[in-house]
Amino acid sequence: MGAPQQTATFDLDDYMLWEAEQNERHEYLNGEVFAMTGARDAHNTIALNTASLLRSALRGGPCRAYIADMKLRVESADAVFYPDVMVTCDPRDRGPEADLAKRHPTLLVEVLSESTAAYDRGLKFERYRLIETLREVLLIEQDRRHIDLFRREDESRWVLESHGPEGSFELVSLGVTLTLDDLYADVEMLDRGAR
């Protein structure tokens, strides 16, 4: 997420109308609009790999996978986000009223970069947890082969499962098993120097 775009504020419905006319993507949080910045090759490759694997595994069933340009509207958080990958299995996310934004995801995926990791793990994840239908959040690092999978155990408890640099893990909410080799296929890890 980038810097605030304007000092003017929108309500959520005004933002949705405004955003539909923009050339760039913007996330919305509590009346503020934030420009989305471009992503590195590794980020895009990991997101595309993840979406492709999920689409293939879910084909023919009630769940649909979406990539970066589909909005997620979280009214209880007064927010609209663009998750890197989203899966919804809810029939309310089909039809004309859900054409521009989904509201009932089962899985959300974020590919972490140095500039967005704190936000994705913090404020954004806090907002995501307000979504009643959400069962899992997958955070994939782009600079090393590592994932954190958060799974909802009950209304207030999320359990963390970490994997890397090898191996497989199950997205229990979807009945899908993925491998880190598949997530990171064709990704060249850049030497980012000492941190």
Foldseek 3Di string as FASTA:
>chain_A
DADWDDPFFDQLVVVVVVQVPDPFHWKDFPRTTGTDDDDDPLQLLLLVLVQVQVCVVCPPAQKHKDAQQAWEDQVVRSIIDRFRMFMQNDPVCDDDVNPRYGHATQETEHEDDPVCPCVVVPVVVVSVLSRPNYAKYWYAYRQAQKIWIWGDPDSPDIDIDMDDDWDWDAPVSRRDIDISCSSRPPRDRDCPDDD
